Amino acid sequence: MIVAKENHTQRMIDKMDTPEGRNIYSQRLGIIETIFGNIRTTKGLDRFSLQGQAKVNVQWKLFCIVHNIEKIKNYGQMC
């Protein structure tokens, strides 16, 4: 199993080491990472209070719903 993980890690390193990979990842930082930062720091949702994958998945979806409702509240009237 460790070999497979190292292969995935090395493949990602090789991908990120290209100009195209750096460009794609820089776009991800501006799009995705801000969402996680908002959910974690602004809303204080940085720990799961439930145990088990099914329960944690539901809790994560609720965090995302809260984030999206706030976006609709703040930016929905702009359209």
C-alpha atoms as a PDB file:
ATOM      1  CA  MET A   1       0.000   0.000   0.000  1.00  0.00           C
ATOM      2  CA  ILE A   2       2.789   2.460   0.801  1.00  0.00           C
ATOM      3  CA  VAL A   3       4.239   2.023  -2.685  1.00  0.00           C
ATOM      4  CA  ALA A   4       0.936   3.077  -4.250  1.00  0.00           C
ATOM      5  CA  LYS A   5       0.789   6.171  -2.047  1.00  0.00           C
ATOM      6  CA  GLU A   6       4.340   7.125  -3.005  1.00  0.00           C
ATOM      7  CA  ASN A   7       3.440   6.676  -6.659  1.00  0.00           C
ATOM      8  CA  HIS A   8       0.435   8.978  -6.283  1.00  0.00           C
ATOM      9  CA  THR A   9       2.556  11.511  -4.440  1.00  0.00           C
ATOM     10  CA  GLN A  10       5.305  11.394  -7.049  1.00  0.00           C
ATOM     11  CA  ARG A  11       2.779  11.714  -9.871  1.00  0.00           C
ATOM     12  CA  MET A  12       1.336  14.828  -8.209  1.00  0.00           C
ATOM     13  CA  ILE A  13       4.806  16.292  -7.701  1.00  0.00           C
ATOM     14  CA  ASP A  14       5.626  15.656 -11.359  1.00  0.00           C
ATOM     15  CA  LYS A  15       2.333  17.211 -12.427  1.00  0.00           C
ATOM     16  CA  MET A  16       2.877  20.299 -10.259  1.00  0.00           C
ATOM     17  CA  ASP A  17       6.412  20.683 -11.566  1.00  0.00           C
ATOM     18  CA  THR A  18       5.177  21.690 -15.042  1.00  0.00           C
ATOM     19  CA  PRO A  19       4.142  25.231 -16.034  1.00  0.00           C
ATOM     20  CA  GLU A  20       0.630  23.985 -16.813  1.00  0.00           C
ATOM     21  CA  GLY A  21       0.379  22.285 -13.408  1.00  0.00           C
ATOM     22  CA  ARG A  22       1.470  25.426 -11.570  1.00  0.00           C
ATOM     23  CA  ASN A  23      -1.087  27.472 -13.515  1.00  0.00           C
ATOM     24  CA  ILE A  24      -3.920  25.066 -12.717  1.00  0.00           C
ATOM     25  CA  TYR A  25      -2.988  24.886  -9.030  1.00  0.00           C
ATOM     26  CA  SER A  26      -2.756  28.676  -8.730  1.00  0.00           C
ATOM     27  CA  GLN A  27      -6.325  28.912 -10.030  1.00  0.00           C
ATOM     28  CA  ARG A  28      -7.412  26.283  -7.487  1.00  0.00           C
ATOM     29  CA  LEU A  29      -5.956  28.344  -4.663  1.00  0.00           C
ATOM     30  CA  GLY A  30      -8.150  31.277  -5.620  1.00  0.00           C
ATOM     31  CA  ILE A  31     -11.299  29.221  -6.074  1.00  0.00           C
ATOM     32  CA  ILE A  32     -11.271  26.263  -3.697  1.00  0.00           C
ATOM     33  CA  GLU A  33      -8.979  27.197  -0.832  1.00  0.00           C
ATOM     34  CA  THR A  34     -10.991  30.324   0.008  1.00  0.00           C
ATOM     35  CA  ILE A  35     -14.096  28.183   0.543  1.00  0.00           C
ATOM     36  CA  PHE A  36     -12.304  25.921   3.026  1.00  0.00           C
ATOM     37  CA  GLY A  37     -10.823  28.960   4.751  1.00  0.00           C
ATOM     38  CA  ASN A  38     -14.231  30.596   5.049  1.00  0.00           C
ATOM     39  CA  ILE A  39     -15.869  27.464   6.416  1.00  0.00           C
ATOM     40  CA  ARG A  40     -13.054  26.817   8.853  1.00  0.00           C
ATOM     41  CA  THR A  41     -12.113  30.237  10.217  1.00  0.00           C
ATOM     42  CA  THR A  42     -15.017  32.609   9.620  1.00  0.00           C
ATOM     43  CA  LYS A  43     -17.735  30.172  10.576  1.00  0.00           C
ATOM     44  CA  GLY A  44     -15.639  28.260  13.127  1.00  0.00           C
ATOM     45  CA  LEU A  45     -16.538  24.906  11.597  1.00  0.00           C
ATOM     46  CA  ASP A  46     -13.098  23.405  11.955  1.00  0.00           C
ATOM     47  CA  ARG A  47     -13.930  20.135  13.722  1.00  0.00           C
ATOM     48  CA  PHE A  48     -16.397  17.383  13.075  1.00  0.00           C
ATOM     49  CA  SER A  49     -18.438  16.600  16.173  1.00  0.00           C
ATOM     50  CA  LEU A  50     -19.751  13.293  14.856  1.00  0.00           C
ATOM     51  CA  GLN A  51     -18.001   9.968  14.320  1.00  0.00           C
ATOM     52  CA  GLY A  52     -18.227   7.594  11.399  1.00  0.00           C
ATOM     53  CA  GLN A  53     -17.857   8.350   7.726  1.00  0.00           C
ATOM     54  CA  ALA A  54     -21.586   8.536   6.985  1.00  0.00           C
ATOM     55  CA  LYS A  55     -22.216  11.024   9.809  1.00  0.00           C
ATOM     56  CA  VAL A  56     -19.166  13.116   8.955  1.00  0.00           C
ATOM     57  CA  ASN A  57     -20.281  13.242   5.300  1.00  0.00           C
ATOM     58  CA  VAL A  58     -23.675  14.577   6.387  1.00  0.00           C
ATOM     59  CA  GLN A  59     -22.039  17.126   8.679  1.00  0.00           C
ATOM     60  CA  TRP A  60     -19.703  18.282   5.890  1.00  0.00           C
ATOM     61  CA  LYS A  61     -22.667  18.703   3.531  1.00  0.00           C
ATOM     62  CA  LEU A  62     -24.386  20.817   6.166  1.00  0.00           C
ATOM     63  CA  PHE A  63     -21.261  23.006   6.441  1.00  0.00           C
ATOM     64  CA  CYS A  64     -21.360  23.454   2.662  1.00  0.00           C
ATOM     65  CA  ILE A  65     -25.074  24.311   2.743  1.00  0.00           C
ATOM     66  CA  VAL A  66     -24.379  26.998   5.354  1.00  0.00           C
ATOM     67  CA  HIS A  67     -21.614  28.404   3.134  1.00  0.00           C
ATOM     68  CA  ASN A  68     -23.838  28.429   0.041  1.00  0.00           C
ATOM     69  CA  ILE A  69     -26.809  29.990   1.835  1.00  0.00           C
ATOM     70  CA  GLU A  70     -24.538  32.776   3.044  1.00  0.00           C
ATOM     71  CA  LYS A  71     -23.307  33.319  -0.534  1.00  0.00           C
ATOM     72  CA  ILE A  72     -26.894  33.542  -1.771  1.00  0.00           C
ATOM     73  CA  LYS A  73     -27.729  35.995   1.022  1.00  0.00           C
ATOM     74  CA  ASN A  74     -24.725  38.193   0.274  1.00  0.00           C
ATOM     75  CA  TYR A  75     -24.496  37.979  -3.504  1.00  0.00           C
ATOM     76  CA  GLY A  76     -27.846  36.629  -4.703  1.00  0.00           C
ATOM     77  CA  GLN A  77     -29.385  40.036  -5.195  1.00  0.00           C
ATOM     78  CA  MET A  78     -26.534  41.161  -7.465  1.00  0.00           C
ATOM     79  CA  CYS A  79     -27.815  39.056 -10.367  1.00  0.00           C
END
